[in-house]
Amino acid sequence: YMGWFRQAPGKEREFVAGISWNGGVYYADYVKGRFTISKDNAR
């Protein structure tokens, strides 16, 4: 799995989006419909 997390000033680190080795994706509710995670295995 690989993913993106974020941390704002004064807040704890939180999950944003993740992607599995076979391309499955999962998003935090507050970014669904706005953010897209993807990967390029060759790079």
ModelCIF file with pLDDT and N, C-alpha, C, O atoms, coordinates in Angstrom:
data_MODEL
#
_entry.id   MODEL 
#
_entity.id                         1 
_entity.type                       polymer 
_entity.pdbx_number_of_molecules   1 
#
_entity_poly.entity_id                      1 
_entity_poly.type                           'polypeptide(L)' 
_entity_poly.nstd_linkage                   no 
_entity_poly.nstd_monomer                   no 
_entity_poly.pdbx_seq_one_letter_code       YMGWFRQAPGKEREFVAGISWNGGVYYADYVKGRFTISKDNAR 
_entity_poly.pdbx_seq_one_letter_code_can   YMGWFRQAPGKEREFVAGISWNGGVYYADYVKGRFTISKDNAR 
_entity_poly.pdbx_strand_id                 A 
#
loop_
_entity_poly_seq.entity_id 
_entity_poly_seq.num 
_entity_poly_seq.mon_id 
_entity_poly_seq.hetero 
1 1  TYR n 
1 2  MET n 
1 3  GLY n 
1 4  TRP n 
1 5  PHE n 
1 6  ARG n 
1 7  GLN n 
1 8  ALA n 
1 9  PRO n 
1 10 GLY n 
1 11 LYS n 
1 12 GLU n 
1 13 ARG n 
1 14 GLU n 
1 15 PHE n 
1 16 VAL n 
1 17 ALA n 
1 18 GLY n 
1 19 ILE n 
1 20 SER n 
1 21 TRP n 
1 22 ASN n 
1 23 GLY n 
1 24 GLY n 
1 25 VAL n 
1 26 TYR n 
1 27 TYR n 
1 28 ALA n 
1 29 ASP n 
1 30 TYR n 
1 31 VAL n 
1 32 LYS n 
1 33 GLY n 
1 34 ARG n 
1 35 PHE n 
1 36 THR n 
1 37 ILE n 
1 38 SER n 
1 39 LYS n 
1 40 ASP n 
1 41 ASN n 
1 42 ALA n 
1 43 ARG n 
#
_struct_asym.id          A 
_struct_asym.entity_id   1 
#
loop_
_ma_qa_metric.id 
_ma_qa_metric.mode 
_ma_qa_metric.name 
_ma_qa_metric.software_group_id 
_ma_qa_metric.type 
1 global pLDDT . pLDDT 
2 local  pLDDT . pLDDT 
#
_ma_qa_metric_global.metric_id      1 
_ma_qa_metric_global.metric_value   94.00 
_ma_qa_metric_global.model_id       1 
_ma_qa_metric_global.ordinal_id     1 
#
loop_
_ma_qa_metric_local.label_asym_id 
_ma_qa_metric_local.label_comp_id 
_ma_qa_metric_local.label_seq_id 
_ma_qa_metric_local.metric_id 
_ma_qa_metric_local.metric_value 
_ma_qa_metric_local.model_id 
_ma_qa_metric_local.ordinal_id 
A TYR 1  2 93.00 1 1  
A MET 2  2 93.00 1 2  
A GLY 3  2 95.00 1 3  
A TRP 4  2 97.00 1 4  
A PHE 5  2 97.00 1 5  
A ARG 6  2 97.00 1 6  
A GLN 7  2 97.00 1 7  
A ALA 8  2 97.00 1 8  
A PRO 9  2 91.00 1 9  
A GLY 10 2 94.00 1 10 
A LYS 11 2 95.00 1 11 
A GLU 12 2 94.00 1 12 
A ARG 13 2 95.00 1 13 
A GLU 14 2 95.00 1 14 
A PHE 15 2 96.00 1 15 
A VAL 16 2 98.00 1 16 
A ALA 17 2 97.00 1 17 
A GLY 18 2 96.00 1 18 
A ILE 19 2 95.00 1 19 
A SER 20 2 92.00 1 20 
A TRP 21 2 86.00 1 21 
A ASN 22 2 87.00 1 22 
A GLY 23 2 89.00 1 23 
A GLY 24 2 93.00 1 24 
A VAL 25 2 96.00 1 25 
A TYR 26 2 95.00 1 26 
A TYR 27 2 97.00 1 27 
A ALA 28 2 96.00 1 28 
A ASP 29 2 95.00 1 29 
A TYR 30 2 94.00 1 30 
A VAL 31 2 95.00 1 31 
A LYS 32 2 93.00 1 32 
A GLY 33 2 96.00 1 33 
A ARG 34 2 98.00 1 34 
A PHE 35 2 98.00 1 35 
A THR 36 2 98.00 1 36 
A ILE 37 2 98.00 1 37 
A SER 38 2 97.00 1 38 
A LYS 39 2 93.00 1 39 
A ASP 40 2 91.00 1 40 
A ASN 41 2 83.00 1 41 
A ALA 42 2 84.00 1 42 
A ARG 43 2 86.00 1 43 
#
loop_
_atom_site.group_PDB 
_atom_site.id 
_atom_site.type_symbol 
_atom_site.label_atom_id 
_atom_site.label_alt_id 
_atom_site.label_comp_id 
_atom_site.label_asym_id 
_atom_site.label_entity_id 
_atom_site.label_seq_id 
_atom_site.pdbx_PDB_ins_code 
_atom_site.Cartn_x 
_atom_site.Cartn_y 
_atom_site.Cartn_z 
_atom_site.occupancy 
_atom_site.B_iso_or_equiv 
_atom_site.pdbx_formal_charge 
_atom_site.auth_seq_id 
_atom_site.auth_comp_id 
_atom_site.auth_asym_id 
_atom_site.auth_atom_id 
_atom_site.pdbx_PDB_model_num 
ATOM 1   N N  . TYR A 1 1  ? 0.842   -1.188 0.000   1.00 93.00 ? 1  TYR A N  1 
ATOM 2   C CA . TYR A 1 1  ? 0.000   0.000  0.000   1.00 93.00 ? 1  TYR A CA 1 
ATOM 3   C C  . TYR A 1 1  ? 0.878   1.238  0.000   1.00 93.00 ? 1  TYR A C  1 
ATOM 4   O O  . TYR A 1 1  ? 1.942   1.257  0.619   1.00 93.00 ? 1  TYR A O  1 
ATOM 5   N N  . MET A 1 2  ? 0.431   2.258  -0.690  1.00 93.00 ? 2  MET A N  1 
ATOM 6   C CA . MET A 1 2  ? 1.024   3.575  -0.604  1.00 93.00 ? 2  MET A CA 1 
ATOM 7   C C  . MET A 1 2  ? -0.098  4.581  -0.429  1.00 93.00 ? 2  MET A C  1 
ATOM 8   O O  . MET A 1 2  ? -1.239  4.332  -0.817  1.00 93.00 ? 2  MET A O  1 
ATOM 9   N N  . GLY A 1 3  ? 0.235   5.710  0.154   1.00 95.00 ? 3  GLY A N  1 
ATOM 10  C CA . GLY A 1 3  ? -0.813  6.683  0.380   1.00 95.00 ? 3  GLY A CA 1 
ATOM 11  C C  . GLY A 1 3  ? -0.291  8.063  0.691   1.00 95.00 ? 3  GLY A C  1 
ATOM 12  O O  . GLY A 1 3  ? 0.912   8.297  0.805   1.00 95.00 ? 3  GLY A O  1 
ATOM 13  N N  . TRP A 1 4  ? -1.241  8.967  0.824   1.00 97.00 ? 4  TRP A N  1 
ATOM 14  C CA . TRP A 1 4  ? -0.969  10.342 1.192   1.00 97.00 ? 4  TRP A CA 1 
ATOM 15  C C  . TRP A 1 4  ? -1.649  10.671 2.508   1.00 97.00 ? 4  TRP A C  1 
ATOM 16  O O  . TRP A 1 4  ? -2.826  10.370 2.706   1.00 97.00 ? 4  TRP A O  1 
ATOM 17  N N  . PHE A 1 5  ? -0.903  11.286 3.395   1.00 97.00 ? 5  PHE A N  1 
ATOM 18  C CA . PHE A 1 5  ? -1.403  11.804 4.656   1.00 97.00 ? 5  PHE A CA 1 
ATOM 19  C C  . PHE A 1 5  ? -1.081  13.288 4.704   1.00 97.00 ? 5  PHE A C  1 
ATOM 20  O O  . PHE A 1 5  ? -0.224  13.764 3.960   1.00 97.00 ? 5  PHE A O  1 
ATOM 21  N N  . ARG A 1 6  ? -1.759  14.017 5.572   1.00 97.00 ? 6  ARG A N  1 
ATOM 22  C CA . ARG A 1 6  ? -1.473  15.440 5.691   1.00 97.00 ? 6  ARG A CA 1 
ATOM 23  C C  . ARG A 1 6  ? -1.551  15.881 7.142   1.00 97.00 ? 6  ARG A C  1 
ATOM 24  O O  . ARG A 1 6  ? -2.215  15.253 7.966   1.00 97.00 ? 6  ARG A O  1 
ATOM 25  N N  . GLN A 1 7  ? -0.862  16.969 7.437   1.00 97.00 ? 7  GLN A N  1 
ATOM 26  C CA . GLN A 1 7  ? -0.869  17.519 8.782   1.00 97.00 ? 7  GLN A CA 1 
ATOM 27  C C  . GLN A 1 7  ? -0.916  19.032 8.704   1.00 97.00 ? 7  GLN A C  1 
ATOM 28  O O  . GLN A 1 7  ? -0.018  19.664 8.147   1.00 97.00 ? 7  GLN A O  1 
ATOM 29  N N  . ALA A 1 8  ? -1.967  19.608 9.264   1.00 97.00 ? 8  ALA A N  1 
ATOM 30  C CA . ALA A 1 8  ? -2.123  21.051 9.332   1.00 97.00 ? 8  ALA A CA 1 
ATOM 31  C C  . ALA A 1 8  ? -1.602  21.560 10.665  1.00 97.00 ? 8  ALA A C  1 
ATOM 32  O O  . ALA A 1 8  ? -1.521  20.794 11.625  1.00 97.00 ? 8  ALA A O  1 
ATOM 33  N N  . PRO A 1 9  ? -1.247  22.842 10.745  1.00 91.00 ? 9  PRO A N  1 
ATOM 34  C CA . PRO A 1 9  ? -0.761  23.391 12.016  1.00 91.00 ? 9  PRO A CA 1 
ATOM 35  C C  . PRO A 1 9  ? -1.750  23.175 13.152  1.00 91.00 ? 9  PRO A C  1 
ATOM 36  O O  . PRO A 1 9  ? -2.937  23.470 13.010  1.00 91.00 ? 9  PRO A O  1 
ATOM 37  N N  . GLY A 1 10 ? -1.268  22.662 14.276  1.00 94.00 ? 10 GLY A N  1 
ATOM 38  C CA . GLY A 1 10 ? -2.105  22.436 15.433  1.00 94.00 ? 10 GLY A CA 1 
ATOM 39  C C  . GLY A 1 10 ? -2.971  21.205 15.366  1.00 94.00 ? 10 GLY A C  1 
ATOM 40  O O  . GLY A 1 10 ? -3.768  20.973 16.274  1.00 94.00 ? 10 GLY A O  1 
ATOM 41  N N  . LYS A 1 11 ? -2.845  20.403 14.322  1.00 95.00 ? 11 LYS A N  1 
ATOM 42  C CA . LYS A 1 11 ? -3.655  19.209 14.166  1.00 95.00 ? 11 LYS A CA 1 
ATOM 43  C C  . LYS A 1 11 ? -2.779  17.978 14.019  1.00 95.00 ? 11 LYS A C  1 
ATOM 44  O O  . LYS A 1 11 ? -1.601  18.074 13.675  1.00 95.00 ? 11 LYS A O  1 
ATOM 45  N N  . GLU A 1 12 ? -3.371  16.816 14.286  1.00 94.00 ? 12 GLU A N  1 
ATOM 46  C CA . GLU A 1 12 ? -2.664  15.562 14.102  1.00 94.00 ? 12 GLU A CA 1 
ATOM 47  C C  . GLU A 1 12 ? -2.643  15.169 12.629  1.00 94.00 ? 12 GLU A C  1 
ATOM 48  O O  . GLU A 1 12 ? -3.469  15.624 11.838  1.00 94.00 ? 12 GLU A O  1 
ATOM 49  N N  . ARG A 1 13 ? -1.696  14.325 12.280  1.00 95.00 ? 13 ARG A N  1 
ATOM 50  C CA . ARG A 1 13 ? -1.627  13.832 10.923  1.00 95.00 ? 13 ARG A CA 1 
ATOM 51  C C  . ARG A 1 13 ? -2.872  13.002 10.604  1.00 95.00 ? 13 ARG A C  1 
ATOM 52  O O  . ARG A 1 13 ? -3.327  12.217 11.435  1.00 95.00 ? 13 ARG A O  1 
ATOM 53  N N  . GLU A 1 14 ? -3.420  13.179 9.395   1.00 95.00 ? 14 GLU A N  1 
ATOM 54  C CA . GLU A 1 14 ? -4.616  12.474 9.007   1.00 95.00 ? 14 GLU A CA 1 
ATOM 55  C C  . GLU A 1 14 ? -4.474  11.871 7.616   1.00 95.00 ? 14 GLU A C  1 
ATOM 56  O O  . GLU A 1 14 ? -3.709  12.354 6.782   1.00 95.00 ? 14 GLU A O  1 
ATOM 57  N N  . PHE A 1 15 ? -5.223  10.813 7.392   1.00 96.00 ? 15 PHE A N  1 
ATOM 58  C CA . PHE A 1 15 ? -5.209  10.117 6.117   1.00 96.00 ? 15 PHE A CA 1 
ATOM 59  C C  . PHE A 1 15 ? -5.944  10.911 5.052   1.00 96.00 ? 15 PHE A C  1 
ATOM 60  O O  . PHE A 1 15 ? -6.961  11.547 5.330   1.00 96.00 ? 15 PHE A O  1 
ATOM 61  N N  . VAL A 1 16 ? -5.424  10.871 3.826   1.00 98.00 ? 16 VAL A N  1 
ATOM 62  C CA . VAL A 1 16 ? -6.052  11.537 2.694   1.00 98.00 ? 16 VAL A CA 1 
ATOM 63  C C  . VAL A 1 16 ? -6.516  10.527 1.645   1.00 98.00 ? 16 VAL A C  1 
ATOM 64  O O  . VAL A 1 16 ? -7.697  10.487 1.301   1.00 98.00 ? 16 VAL A O  1 
ATOM 65  N N  . ALA A 1 17 ? -5.599  9.721  1.141   1.00 97.00 ? 17 ALA A N  1 
ATOM 66  C CA . ALA A 1 17 ? -5.919  8.760  0.084   1.00 97.00 ? 17 ALA A CA 1 
ATOM 67  C C  . ALA A 1 17 ? -4.886  7.646  0.073   1.00 97.00 ? 17 ALA A C  1 
ATOM 68  O O  . ALA A 1 17 ? -3.724  7.864  0.412   1.00 97.00 ? 17 ALA A O  1 
ATOM 69  N N  . GLY A 1 18 ? -5.317  6.442  -0.322  1.00 96.00 ? 18 GLY A N  1 
ATOM 70  C CA . GLY A 1 18 ? -4.421  5.304  -0.404  1.00 96.00 ? 18 GLY A CA 1 
ATOM 71  C C  . GLY A 1 18 ? -4.666  4.489  -1.657  1.00 96.00 ? 18 GLY A C  1 
ATOM 72  O O  . GLY A 1 18 ? -5.742  4.548  -2.252  1.00 96.00 ? 18 GLY A O  1 
ATOM 73  N N  . ILE A 1 19 ? -3.649  3.723  -2.054  1.00 95.00 ? 19 ILE A N  1 
ATOM 74  C CA . ILE A 1 19 ? -3.754  2.874  -3.232  1.00 95.00 ? 19 ILE A CA 1 
ATOM 75  C C  . ILE A 1 19 ? -3.003  1.575  -2.963  1.00 95.00 ? 19 ILE A C  1 
ATOM 76  O O  . ILE A 1 19 ? -1.907  1.595  -2.403  1.00 95.00 ? 19 ILE A O  1 
ATOM 77  N N  . SER A 1 20 ? -3.586  0.449  -3.359  1.00 92.00 ? 20 SER A N  1 
ATOM 78  C CA . SER A 1 20 ? -2.977  -0.858 -3.156  1.00 92.00 ? 20 SER A CA 1 
ATOM 79  C C  . SER A 1 20 ? -2.127  -1.248 -4.355  1.00 92.00 ? 20 SER A C  1 
ATOM 80  O O  . SER A 1 20 ? -2.137  -0.576 -5.386  1.00 92.00 ? 20 SER A O  1 
ATOM 81  N N  . TRP A 1 21 ? -1.396  -2.339 -4.204  1.00 86.00 ? 21 TRP A N  1 
ATOM 82  C CA . TRP A 1 21 ? -0.499  -2.789 -5.270  1.00 86.00 ? 21 TRP A CA 1 
ATOM 83  C C  . TRP A 1 21 ? -1.246  -3.107 -6.553  1.00 86.00 ? 21 TRP A C  1 
ATOM 84  O O  . TRP A 1 21 ? -0.691  -2.966 -7.643  1.00 86.00 ? 21 TRP A O  1 
ATOM 85  N N  . ASN A 1 22 ? -2.512  -3.538 -6.438  1.00 87.00 ? 22 ASN A N  1 
ATOM 86  C CA . ASN A 1 22 ? -3.289  -3.891 -7.623  1.00 87.00 ? 22 ASN A CA 1 
ATOM 87  C C  . ASN A 1 22 ? -4.221  -2.776 -8.085  1.00 87.00 ? 22 ASN A C  1 
ATOM 88  O O  . ASN A 1 22 ? -5.064  -2.994 -8.955  1.00 87.00 ? 22 ASN A O  1 
ATOM 89  N N  . GLY A 1 23 ? -4.075  -1.590 -7.512  1.00 89.00 ? 23 GLY A N  1 
ATOM 90  C CA . GLY A 1 23 ? -4.812  -0.435 -7.993  1.00 89.00 ? 23 GLY A CA 1 
ATOM 91  C C  . GLY A 1 23 ? -6.064  -0.064 -7.230  1.00 89.00 ? 23 GLY A C  1 
ATOM 92  O O  . GLY A 1 23 ? -6.736  0.898  -7.604  1.00 89.00 ? 23 GLY A O  1 
ATOM 93  N N  . GLY A 1 24 ? -6.409  -0.792 -6.168  1.00 93.00 ? 24 GLY A N  1 
ATOM 94  C CA . GLY A 1 24 ? -7.541  -0.407 -5.361  1.00 93.00 ? 24 GLY A CA 1 
ATOM 95  C C  . GLY A 1 24 ? -7.289  0.912  -4.660  1.00 93.00 ? 24 GLY A C  1 
ATOM 96  O O  . GLY A 1 24 ? -6.165  1.187  -4.241  1.00 93.00 ? 24 GLY A O  1 
ATOM 97  N N  . VAL A 1 25 ? -8.325  1.734  -4.527  1.00 96.00 ? 25 VAL A N  1 
ATOM 98  C CA . VAL A 1 25 ? -8.172  3.059  -3.934  1.00 96.00 ? 25 VAL A CA 1 
ATOM 99  C C  . VAL A 1 25 ? -9.142  3.259  -2.783  1.00 96.00 ? 25 VAL A C  1 
ATOM 100 O O  . VAL A 1 25 ? -10.174 2.594  -2.697  1.00 96.00 ? 25 VAL A O  1 
ATOM 101 N N  . TYR A 1 26 ? -8.793  4.187  -1.901  1.00 95.00 ? 26 TYR A N  1 
ATOM 102 C CA . TYR A 1 26 ? -9.601  4.499  -0.728  1.00 95.00 ? 26 TYR A CA 1 
ATOM 103 C C  . TYR A 1 26 ? -9.338  5.943  -0.356  1.00 95.00 ? 26 TYR A C  1 
ATOM 104 O O  . TYR A 1 26 ? -8.189  6.386  -0.336  1.00 95.00 ? 26 TYR A O  1 
ATOM 105 N N  . TYR A 1 27 ? -10.414 6.687  -0.058  1.00 97.00 ? 27 TYR A N  1 
ATOM 106 C CA . TYR A 1 27 ? -10.296 8.109  0.222   1.00 97.00 ? 27 TYR A CA 1 
ATOM 107 C C  . TYR A 1 27 ? -10.946 8.482  1.539   1.00 97.00 ? 27 TYR A C  1 
ATOM 108 O O  . TYR A 1 27 ? -11.923 7.869  1.969   1.00 97.00 ? 27 TYR A O  1 
ATOM 109 N N  . ALA A 1 28 ? -10.383 9.498  2.168   1.00 96.00 ? 28 ALA A N  1 
ATOM 110 C CA . ALA A 1 28 ? -11.068 10.124 3.288   1.00 96.00 ? 28 ALA A CA 1 
ATOM 111 C C  . ALA A 1 28 ? -12.339 10.793 2.780   1.00 96.00 ? 28 ALA A C  1 
ATOM 112 O O  . ALA A 1 28 ? -12.376 11.290 1.654   1.00 96.00 ? 28 ALA A O  1 
ATOM 113 N N  . ASP A 1 29 ? -13.379 10.806 3.610   1.00 95.00 ? 29 ASP A N  1 
ATOM 114 C CA . ASP A 1 29 ? -14.668 11.342 3.181   1.00 95.00 ? 29 ASP A CA 1 
ATOM 115 C C  . ASP A 1 29 ? -14.571 12.784 2.696   1.00 95.00 ? 29 ASP A C  1 
ATOM 116 O O  . ASP A 1 29 ? -15.263 13.173 1.754   1.00 95.00 ? 29 ASP A O  1 
ATOM 117 N N  . TYR A 1 30 ? -13.733 13.562 3.323   1.00 94.00 ? 30 TYR A N  1 
ATOM 118 C CA . TYR A 1 30 ? -13.697 14.989 3.012   1.00 94.00 ? 30 TYR A CA 1 
ATOM 119 C C  . TYR A 1 30 ? -12.990 15.322 1.707   1.00 94.00 ? 30 TYR A C  1 
ATOM 120 O O  . TYR A 1 30 ? -12.972 16.484 1.299   1.00 94.00 ? 30 TYR A O  1 
ATOM 121 N N  . VAL A 1 31 ? -12.402 14.315 1.035   1.00 95.00 ? 31 VAL A N  1 
ATOM 122 C CA . VAL A 1 31 ? -11.773 14.571 -0.267  1.00 95.00 ? 31 VAL A CA 1 
ATOM 123 C C  . VAL A 1 31 ? -12.422 13.786 -1.400  1.00 95.00 ? 31 VAL A C  1 
ATOM 124 O O  . VAL A 1 31 ? -12.032 13.956 -2.555  1.00 95.00 ? 31 VAL A O  1 
ATOM 125 N N  . LYS A 1 32 ? -13.395 12.936 -1.107  1.00 93.00 ? 32 LYS A N  1 
ATOM 126 C CA . LYS A 1 32 ? -14.062 12.156 -2.146  1.00 93.00 ? 32 LYS A CA 1 
ATOM 127 C C  . LYS A 1 32 ? -14.706 13.076 -3.178  1.00 93.00 ? 32 LYS A C  1 
ATOM 128 O O  . LYS A 1 32 ? -15.378 14.048 -2.834  1.00 93.00 ? 32 LYS A O  1 
ATOM 129 N N  . GLY A 1 33 ? -14.488 12.749 -4.443  1.00 96.00 ? 33 GLY A N  1 
ATOM 130 C CA . GLY A 1 33 ? -15.018 13.557 -5.522  1.00 96.00 ? 33 GLY A CA 1 
ATOM 131 C C  . GLY A 1 33 ? -14.142 14.719 -5.912  1.00 96.00 ? 33 GLY A C  1 
ATOM 132 O O  . GLY A 1 33 ? -14.391 15.361 -6.933  1.00 96.00 ? 33 GLY A O  1 
ATOM 133 N N  . ARG A 1 34 ? -13.115 15.010 -5.123  1.00 98.00 ? 34 ARG A N  1 
ATOM 134 C CA . ARG A 1 34 ? -12.216 16.120 -5.414  1.00 98.00 ? 34 ARG A CA 1 
ATOM 135 C C  . ARG A 1 34 ? -10.788 15.659 -5.697  1.00 98.00 ? 34 ARG A C  1 
ATOM 136 O O  . ARG A 1 34 ? -10.112 16.219 -6.559  1.00 98.00 ? 34 ARG A O  1 
ATOM 137 N N  . PHE A 1 35 ? -10.328 14.635 -4.970  1.00 98.00 ? 35 PHE A N  1 
ATOM 138 C CA . PHE A 1 35 ? -8.953  14.156 -5.111  1.00 98.00 ? 35 PHE A CA 1 
ATOM 139 C C  . PHE A 1 35 ? -8.939  12.794 -5.792  1.00 98.00 ? 35 PHE A C  1 
ATOM 140 O O  . PHE A 1 35 ? -9.877  12.011 -5.642  1.00 98.00 ? 35 PHE A O  1 
ATOM 141 N N  . THR A 1 36 ? -7.882  12.513 -6.538  1.00 98.00 ? 36 THR A N  1 
ATOM 142 C CA . THR A 1 36 ? -7.698  11.229 -7.188  1.00 98.00 ? 36 THR A CA 1 
ATOM 143 C C  . THR A 1 36 ? -6.267  10.748 -6.984  1.00 98.00 ? 36 THR A C  1 
ATOM 144 O O  . THR A 1 36 ? -5.317  11.466 -7.294  1.00 98.00 ? 36 THR A O  1 
ATOM 145 N N  . ILE A 1 37 ? -6.115  9.534  -6.464  1.00 98.00 ? 37 ILE A N  1 
ATOM 146 C CA . ILE A 1 37 ? -4.790  8.943  -6.305  1.00 98.00 ? 37 ILE A CA 1 
ATOM 147 C C  . ILE A 1 37 ? -4.554  7.961  -7.447  1.00 98.00 ? 37 ILE A C  1 
ATOM 148 O O  . ILE A 1 37 ? -5.471  7.252  -7.861  1.00 98.00 ? 37 ILE A O  1 
ATOM 149 N N  . SER A 1 38 ? -3.337  7.922  -7.947  1.00 97.00 ? 38 SER A N  1 
ATOM 150 C CA . SER A 1 38 ? -2.987  7.022  -9.031  1.00 97.00 ? 38 SER A CA 1 
ATOM 151 C C  . SER A 1 38 ? -1.511  6.668  -8.921  1.00 97.00 ? 38 SER A C  1 
ATOM 152 O O  . SER A 1 38 ? -0.787  7.238  -8.105  1.00 97.00 ? 38 SER A O  1 
ATOM 153 N N  . LYS A 1 39 ? -1.069  5.726  -9.744  1.00 93.00 ? 39 LYS A N  1 
ATOM 154 C CA . LYS A 1 39 ? 0.326   5.320  -9.710  1.00 93.00 ? 39 LYS A CA 1 
ATOM 155 C C  . LYS A 1 39 ? 0.828   4.957  -11.089 1.00 93.00 ? 39 LYS A C  1 
ATOM 156 O O  . LYS A 1 39 ? 0.052   4.604  -11.977 1.00 93.00 ? 39 LYS A O  1 
ATOM 157 N N  . ASP A 1 40 ? 2.135   5.048  -11.259 1.00 91.00 ? 40 ASP A N  1 
ATOM 158 C CA . ASP A 1 40 ? 2.818   4.669  -12.484 1.00 91.00 ? 40 ASP A CA 1 
ATOM 159 C C  . ASP A 1 40 ? 3.941   3.736  -12.063 1.00 91.00 ? 40 ASP A C  1 
ATOM 160 O O  . ASP A 1 40 ? 5.000   4.190  -11.631 1.00 91.00 ? 40 ASP A O  1 
ATOM 161 N N  . ASN A 1 41 ? 3.716   2.441  -12.188 1.00 83.00 ? 41 ASN A N  1 
ATOM 162 C CA . ASN A 1 41 ? 4.700   1.470  -11.725 1.00 83.00 ? 41 ASN A CA 1 
ATOM 163 C C  . ASN A 1 41 ? 6.028   1.577  -12.485 1.00 83.00 ? 41 ASN A C  1 
ATOM 164 O O  . ASN A 1 41 ? 7.094   1.357  -11.909 1.00 83.00 ? 41 ASN A O  1 
ATOM 165 N N  . ALA A 1 42 ? 5.963   1.911  -13.760 1.00 84.00 ? 42 ALA A N  1 
ATOM 166 C CA . ALA A 1 42 ? 7.175   2.023  -14.558 1.00 84.00 ? 42 ALA A CA 1 
ATOM 167 C C  . ALA A 1 42 ? 8.093   3.117  -14.036 1.00 84.00 ? 42 ALA A C  1 
ATOM 168 O O  . ALA A 1 42 ? 9.314   3.020  -14.159 1.00 84.00 ? 42 ALA A O  1 
ATOM 169 N N  . ARG A 1 43 ? 7.512   4.152  -13.457 1.00 86.00 ? 43 ARG A N  1 
ATOM 170 C CA . ARG A 1 43 ? 8.290   5.256  -12.909 1.00 86.00 ? 43 ARG A CA 1 
ATOM 171 C C  . ARG A 1 43 ? 8.402   5.209  -11.386 1.00 86.00 ? 43 ARG A C  1 
ATOM 172 O O  . ARG A 1 43 ? 9.032   6.081  -10.786 1.00 86.00 ? 43 ARG A O  1 
#
